[in-house]
Each structure stands twice: as C-alpha cells, then as structure tokens.
C-alpha atoms as a PDB file:
ATOM      1  CA  UNK A   1      -7.076 -16.379 -14.281  1.00  0.00           C
ATOM      2  CA  UNK A   2      -8.218 -13.153 -12.813  1.00  0.00           C
ATOM      3  CA  UNK A   3     -10.734 -14.700 -10.707  1.00  0.00           C
ATOM      4  CA  UNK A   4      -7.686 -16.815  -9.537  1.00  0.00           C
ATOM      5  CA  UNK A   5      -5.394 -13.915  -8.986  1.00  0.00           C
ATOM      6  CA  UNK A   6      -8.328 -12.323  -7.079  1.00  0.00           C
ATOM      7  CA  UNK A   7      -9.123 -15.199  -4.744  1.00  0.00           C
ATOM      8  CA  UNK A   8      -5.296 -15.979  -4.018  1.00  0.00           C
ATOM      9  CA  UNK A   9      -5.055 -12.141  -2.785  1.00  0.00           C
ATOM     10  CA  UNK A  10      -8.454 -12.518  -0.874  1.00  0.00           C
ATOM     11  CA  UNK A  11      -6.985 -15.543   0.942  1.00  0.00           C
ATOM     12  CA  UNK A  12      -3.136 -14.224   1.545  1.00  0.00           C
ATOM     13  CA  UNK A  13      -4.943 -10.976   2.771  1.00  0.00           C
ATOM     14  CA  UNK A  14      -7.283 -12.970   5.155  1.00  0.00           C
ATOM     15  CA  UNK A  15      -4.228 -15.152   6.607  1.00  0.00           C
ATOM     16  CA  UNK A  16      -2.109 -12.144   7.021  1.00  0.00           C
ATOM     17  CA  UNK A  17      -5.053  -9.832   8.760  1.00  0.00           C
ATOM     18  CA  UNK A  18      -6.040 -12.551  10.969  1.00  0.00           C
ATOM     19  CA  UNK A  19      -2.777 -13.404  12.741  1.00  0.00           C
ATOM     20  CA  UNK A  20      -2.167 -11.835  15.882  1.00  0.00           C
ATOM     21  CA  UNK A  21      -5.399 -10.254  16.762  1.00  0.00           C
ATOM     22  CA  UNK A  22      -7.477 -10.410  19.741  1.00  0.00           C
ATOM     23  CA  UNK A  23      -9.646 -13.656  19.257  1.00  0.00           C
ATOM     24  CA  UNK A  24     -13.303 -13.396  18.077  1.00  0.00           C
ATOM     25  CA  UNK A  25     -13.427 -17.134  18.592  1.00  0.00           C
ATOM     26  CA  UNK A  26     -16.329 -18.517  20.765  1.00  0.00           C
ATOM     27  CA  UNK A  27     -13.527 -20.845  22.361  1.00  0.00           C
ATOM     28  CA  UNK A  28     -11.148 -17.986  23.475  1.00  0.00           C
ATOM     29  CA  UNK A  29     -14.437 -16.006  24.477  1.00  0.00           C
ATOM     30  CA  UNK A  30     -15.731 -18.483  26.680  1.00  0.00           C
ATOM     31  CA  UNK A  31     -12.574 -19.481  28.444  1.00  0.00           C
ATOM     32  CA  UNK A  32     -12.028 -15.240  28.836  1.00  0.00           C
ATOM     33  CA  UNK A  33     -15.624 -14.931  29.900  1.00  0.00           C
ATOM     34  CA  UNK A  34     -14.948 -18.167  32.430  1.00  0.00           C
ATOM     35  CA  UNK A  35     -12.268 -16.005  34.347  1.00  0.00           C
ATOM     36  CA  UNK A  36     -14.662 -13.191  35.337  1.00  0.00           C
ATOM     37  CA  UNK A  37     -15.435 -12.439  38.872  1.00  0.00           C
ATOM     38  CA  UNK A  38     -13.806 -16.609  39.381  1.00  0.00           C
ATOM     39  CA  UNK A  39     -13.190 -17.503  43.146  1.00  0.00           C
ATOM     40  CA  UNK A  40     -10.546 -19.637  44.938  1.00  0.00           C
ATOM     41  CA  UNK A  41     -10.188 -23.349  44.458  1.00  0.00           C
ATOM     42  CA  UNK A  42     -11.252 -22.966  40.896  1.00  0.00           C
ATOM     43  CA  UNK A  43      -9.195 -24.793  38.345  1.00  0.00           C
ATOM     44  CA  UNK A  44      -8.364 -22.678  35.432  1.00  0.00           C
ATOM     45  CA  UNK A  45      -6.773 -25.401  32.788  1.00  0.00           C
ATOM     46  CA  UNK A  46      -5.618 -23.864  29.328  1.00  0.00           C
ATOM     47  CA  UNK A  47      -4.036 -26.868  28.182  1.00  0.00           C
ATOM     48  CA  UNK A  48      -7.685 -27.926  26.794  1.00  0.00           C
ATOM     49  CA  UNK A  49      -7.957 -24.732  24.793  1.00  0.00           C
ATOM     50  CA  UNK A  50      -7.230 -26.192  21.173  1.00  0.00           C
ATOM     51  CA  UNK A  51      -9.272 -24.315  19.021  1.00  0.00           C
ATOM     52  CA  UNK A  52      -6.086 -22.854  17.513  1.00  0.00           C
ATOM     53  CA  UNK A  53      -2.860 -24.541  17.503  1.00  0.00           C
ATOM     54  CA  UNK A  54      -0.275 -22.806  19.937  1.00  0.00           C
ATOM     55  CA  UNK A  55       2.427 -23.826  22.139  1.00  0.00           C
ATOM     56  CA  UNK A  56       3.559 -21.149  24.486  1.00  0.00           C
ATOM     57  CA  UNK A  57       1.631 -18.829  26.863  1.00  0.00           C
ATOM     58  CA  UNK A  58       2.698 -15.179  27.996  1.00  0.00           C
ATOM     59  CA  UNK A  59       1.597 -13.197  30.806  1.00  0.00           C
ATOM     60  CA  UNK A  60       2.388  -9.765  30.422  1.00  0.00           C
ATOM     61  CA  UNK A  61       1.734  -7.591  33.871  1.00  0.00           C
ATOM     62  CA  UNK A  62       0.075  -4.351  34.240  1.00  0.00           C
ATOM     63  CA  UNK A  63       2.903  -2.117  33.723  1.00  0.00           C
ATOM     64  CA  UNK A  64       5.509  -3.096  31.513  1.00  0.00           C
ATOM     65  CA  UNK A  65       8.507  -2.260  29.097  1.00  0.00           C
ATOM     66  CA  UNK A  66       7.212  -3.236  25.156  1.00  0.00           C
ATOM     67  CA  UNK A  67      10.779  -3.525  24.139  1.00  0.00           C
ATOM     68  CA  UNK A  68      11.986  -5.620  27.417  1.00  0.00           C
ATOM     69  CA  UNK A  69       8.785  -7.805  26.703  1.00  0.00           C
ATOM     70  CA  UNK A  70       9.775  -8.651  22.959  1.00  0.00           C
ATOM     71  CA  UNK A  71      13.684  -8.993  23.736  1.00  0.00           C
ATOM     72  CA  UNK A  72      12.728 -11.276  26.692  1.00  0.00           C
ATOM     73  CA  UNK A  73      10.028 -13.414  25.234  1.00  0.00           C
ATOM     74  CA  UNK A  74      11.343 -13.149  21.984  1.00  0.00           C
ATOM     75  CA  UNK A  75       8.483 -11.778  19.889  1.00  0.00           C
ATOM     76  CA  UNK A  76       6.869  -9.026  18.123  1.00  0.00           C
ATOM     77  CA  UNK A  77       4.042  -7.330  20.230  1.00  0.00           C
ATOM     78  CA  UNK A  78       1.010  -6.501  18.608  1.00  0.00           C
ATOM     79  CA  UNK A  79       0.362  -2.671  18.483  1.00  0.00           C
ATOM     80  CA  UNK A  80      -2.209  -2.314  21.197  1.00  0.00           C
ATOM     81  CA  UNK A  81      -0.680  -4.467  23.514  1.00  0.00           C
ATOM     82  CA  UNK A  82       0.272  -1.714  26.083  1.00  0.00           C
ATOM     83  CA  UNK A  83      -0.452  -1.069  29.719  1.00  0.00           C
ATOM     84  CA  UNK A  84      -3.064   1.414  31.396  1.00  0.00           C
ATOM     85  CA  UNK A  85      -2.631   3.098  34.533  1.00  0.00           C
ATOM     86  CA  UNK A  86      -5.360   2.968  37.304  1.00  0.00           C
ATOM     87  CA  UNK A  87      -5.649   5.680  40.417  1.00  0.00           C
ATOM     88  CA  UNK A  88      -3.497   3.413  42.260  1.00  0.00           C
ATOM     89  CA  UNK A  89      -0.286   3.083  40.032  1.00  0.00           C
ATOM     90  CA  UNK A  90      -0.334  -0.906  39.992  1.00  0.00           C
ATOM     91  CA  UNK A  91      -2.071  -1.204  36.473  1.00  0.00           C
ATOM     92  CA  UNK A  92      -5.529  -2.596  35.357  1.00  0.00           C
ATOM     93  CA  UNK A  93      -5.118  -5.776  34.147  1.00  0.00           C
ATOM     94  CA  UNK A  94      -2.713  -8.703  32.579  1.00  0.00           C
ATOM     95  CA  UNK A  95      -2.176  -9.339  28.794  1.00  0.00           C
ATOM     96  CA  UNK A  96      -2.747 -12.973  28.179  1.00  0.00           C
ATOM     97  CA  UNK A  97      -0.678 -14.097  24.698  1.00  0.00           C
ATOM     98  CA  UNK A  98      -1.450 -17.403  22.940  1.00  0.00           C
ATOM     99  CA  UNK A  99       1.991 -18.047  21.059  1.00  0.00           C
ATOM    100  CA  UNK A 100       2.941 -20.821  18.263  1.00  0.00           C
ATOM    101  CA  UNK A 101       6.655 -20.767  17.291  1.00  0.00           C
ATOM    102  CA  UNK A 102       6.833 -17.403  18.891  1.00  0.00           C
ATOM    103  CA  UNK A 103       4.340 -15.805  16.623  1.00  0.00           C
ATOM    104  CA  UNK A 104       1.589 -14.285  18.564  1.00  0.00           C
ATOM    105  CA  UNK A 105      -1.447 -16.419  17.986  1.00  0.00           C
ATOM    106  CA  UNK A 106      -4.530 -14.713  19.781  1.00  0.00           C
ATOM    107  CA  UNK A 107      -4.338 -12.537  23.120  1.00  0.00           C
ATOM    108  CA  UNK A 108      -7.001 -11.052  25.636  1.00  0.00           C
ATOM    109  CA  UNK A 109      -6.646  -8.563  28.329  1.00  0.00           C
ATOM    110  CA  UNK A 110      -7.517  -9.457  31.756  1.00  0.00           C
ATOM    111  CA  UNK A 111      -8.607  -7.426  34.656  1.00  0.00           C
ATOM    112  CA  UNK A 112      -6.887  -7.762  37.811  1.00  0.00           C
ATOM    113  CA  UNK A 113      -9.602  -8.053  39.712  1.00  0.00           C
ATOM    114  CA  UNK A 114     -10.923 -10.595  37.955  1.00  0.00           C
ATOM    115  CA  UNK A 115      -7.543 -12.479  38.284  1.00  0.00           C
ATOM    116  CA  UNK A 116      -4.065 -11.619  38.910  1.00  0.00           C
ATOM    117  CA  UNK A 117      -1.047 -13.310  38.109  1.00  0.00           C
ATOM    118  CA  UNK A 118       1.256 -11.506  40.643  1.00  0.00           C
ATOM    119  CA  UNK A 119       2.339 -14.099  43.198  1.00  0.00           C
ATOM    120  CA  UNK A 120       2.855 -16.678  40.119  1.00  0.00           C
ATOM    121  CA  UNK A 121       5.134 -14.420  38.484  1.00  0.00           C
ATOM    122  CA  UNK A 122       7.096 -13.523  41.325  1.00  0.00           C
ATOM    123  CA  UNK A 123       7.083 -17.632  42.534  1.00  0.00           C
ATOM    124  CA  UNK A 124       8.365 -18.605  38.799  1.00  0.00           C
ATOM    125  CA  UNK A 125      11.191 -15.914  38.432  1.00  0.00           C
ATOM    126  CA  UNK A 126      12.628 -12.524  39.198  1.00  0.00           C
ATOM    127  CA  UNK A 127      10.333 -10.777  36.908  1.00  0.00           C
ATOM    128  CA  UNK A 128       6.742  -9.693  36.000  1.00  0.00           C
ATOM    129  CA  UNK A 129       6.534 -11.482  32.660  1.00  0.00           C
ATOM    130  CA  UNK A 130       5.697 -15.454  32.705  1.00  0.00           C
ATOM    131  CA  UNK A 131       6.477 -17.697  29.686  1.00  0.00           C
ATOM    132  CA  UNK A 132       4.707 -21.158  29.919  1.00  0.00           C
ATOM    133  CA  UNK A 133       4.779 -23.762  27.513  1.00  0.00           C
ATOM    134  CA  UNK A 134       1.151 -25.073  26.532  1.00  0.00           C
ATOM    135  CA  UNK A 135       1.546 -28.264  29.316  1.00  0.00           C
ATOM    136  CA  UNK A 136       2.379 -25.937  32.065  1.00  0.00           C
ATOM    137  CA  UNK A 137      -0.492 -24.247  31.388  1.00  0.00           C
ATOM    138  CA  UNK A 138      -2.592 -25.165  34.148  1.00  0.00           C
ATOM    139  CA  UNK A 139      -3.737 -23.363  37.188  1.00  0.00           C
ATOM    140  CA  UNK A 140      -5.358 -23.436  40.543  1.00  0.00           C
ATOM    141  CA  UNK A 141      -6.911 -20.018  42.016  1.00  0.00           C
ATOM    142  CA  UNK A 142      -6.411 -18.882  45.926  1.00  0.00           C
ATOM    143  CA  UNK A 143      -6.978 -15.687  48.121  1.00  0.00           C
ATOM    144  CA  UNK A 144      -3.875 -13.743  48.414  1.00  0.00           C
ATOM    145  CA  UNK A 145      -5.604 -11.943  51.694  1.00  0.00           C
ATOM    146  CA  UNK A 146      -4.791  -8.805  49.945  1.00  0.00           C
ATOM    147  CA  UNK A 147      -7.433  -6.213  48.888  1.00  0.00           C
ATOM    148  CA  UNK A 148      -7.213  -4.225  45.571  1.00  0.00           C
ATOM    149  CA  UNK A 149      -7.217  -0.434  46.449  1.00  0.00           C
ATOM    150  CA  UNK A 150     -10.162   1.659  46.630  1.00  0.00           C
ATOM    151  CA  UNK A 151     -11.801  -1.661  46.408  1.00  0.00           C
ATOM    152  CA  UNK A 152     -14.025  -4.387  48.608  1.00  0.00           C
ATOM    153  CA  UNK A 153     -12.869  -7.033  45.612  1.00  0.00           C
ATOM    154  CA  UNK A 154     -10.187  -9.520  47.080  1.00  0.00           C
ATOM    155  CA  UNK A 155      -7.403 -10.360  45.146  1.00  0.00           C
ATOM    156  CA  UNK A 156      -7.645 -13.909  43.528  1.00  0.00           C
ATOM    157  CA  UNK A 157      -4.533 -15.169  42.447  1.00  0.00           C
ATOM    158  CA  UNK A 158      -3.263 -17.959  40.525  1.00  0.00           C
ATOM    159  CA  UNK A 159      -0.302 -21.231  41.101  1.00  0.00           C
ATOM    160  CA  UNK A 160       0.662 -23.935  38.830  1.00  0.00           C
ATOM    161  CA  UNK A 161      -1.560 -26.812  38.892  1.00  0.00           C
ATOM    162  CA  UNK A 162       0.405 -30.290  39.289  1.00  0.00           C
END
C-alpha cells in the first residue's frame, strides 16, 4: 500500500512539473532549430506539430505587459516568460506558446533575427499579441526589406499561408 501511495505521488508530481515548461521534446527542438536563420519563401507549418496535444498558438512580442497578455489571451504565463531589451529598444525576440484549452503546454523563445512576427501581428489586429487556432498556424516567410539595428541581418517576417 505504501509503495502504491509513493508511486501515485511521484506520478502526480511528474504530471504537475511537466506542464507549462520549456519543451525538451525532440519534435519541438527540431521545429525550433528549423526556424534559425530561415530564408524567405519557406513554409512554417505548425499544424503538423503533433507530439503534444495543443489547440491554440500564442505569439508574444518582444516588449509586453504580462497582465495585458494574460487578460487578453485568458492564460497564466509561465514565470520565465518575460521580455528583454536590446540596445535599440525593440526587444530581442518573441515568445511562442502552445496552449490546450487555455493552458500553456509548451513554449520557447525565438530571436527576432531568426523570424519576426511584427508584420503578421499588425496585419491581424491592432495589438501585438497573436492568437491563432492550431488549424491556422501555417506561415510563409518573406523579407520585409528592413535590416535590424546594428546588424546586417535582413528582417524575415511571416504571413499566414492559405
């Protein structure tokens, strides 16, 4: 009986501790790695990401208010999802969160020099936070013609792919 109780506690603890963490799953790591130094004209199809159960994608801009994002998206952000400033004041990158029934299942940070979502967010709504159902999480990359401050990197943004 004691062994069964210990097994239950360990299982319960593992379930709680695995929720809403930066994912170490190989499918997420390979997907994130595929976004590093991506070129224009490439398709990013997150709808095929099925190693976890998720139903919504949230893209959080480089500078944001935690309380605003939580209220707007109706979620609780993990503690380490925060913004960081670079010298130009534009922020270093975007947070990419995967939700299931408004619970953060997995997430990662994506540097803006790899992929930026600014044009996507402005084309969808008047605020920076992007909320998309899984069925719409398919993008194509394009060069904006801009260059990042203090860099020779061209800005690669995305738009929804039909």
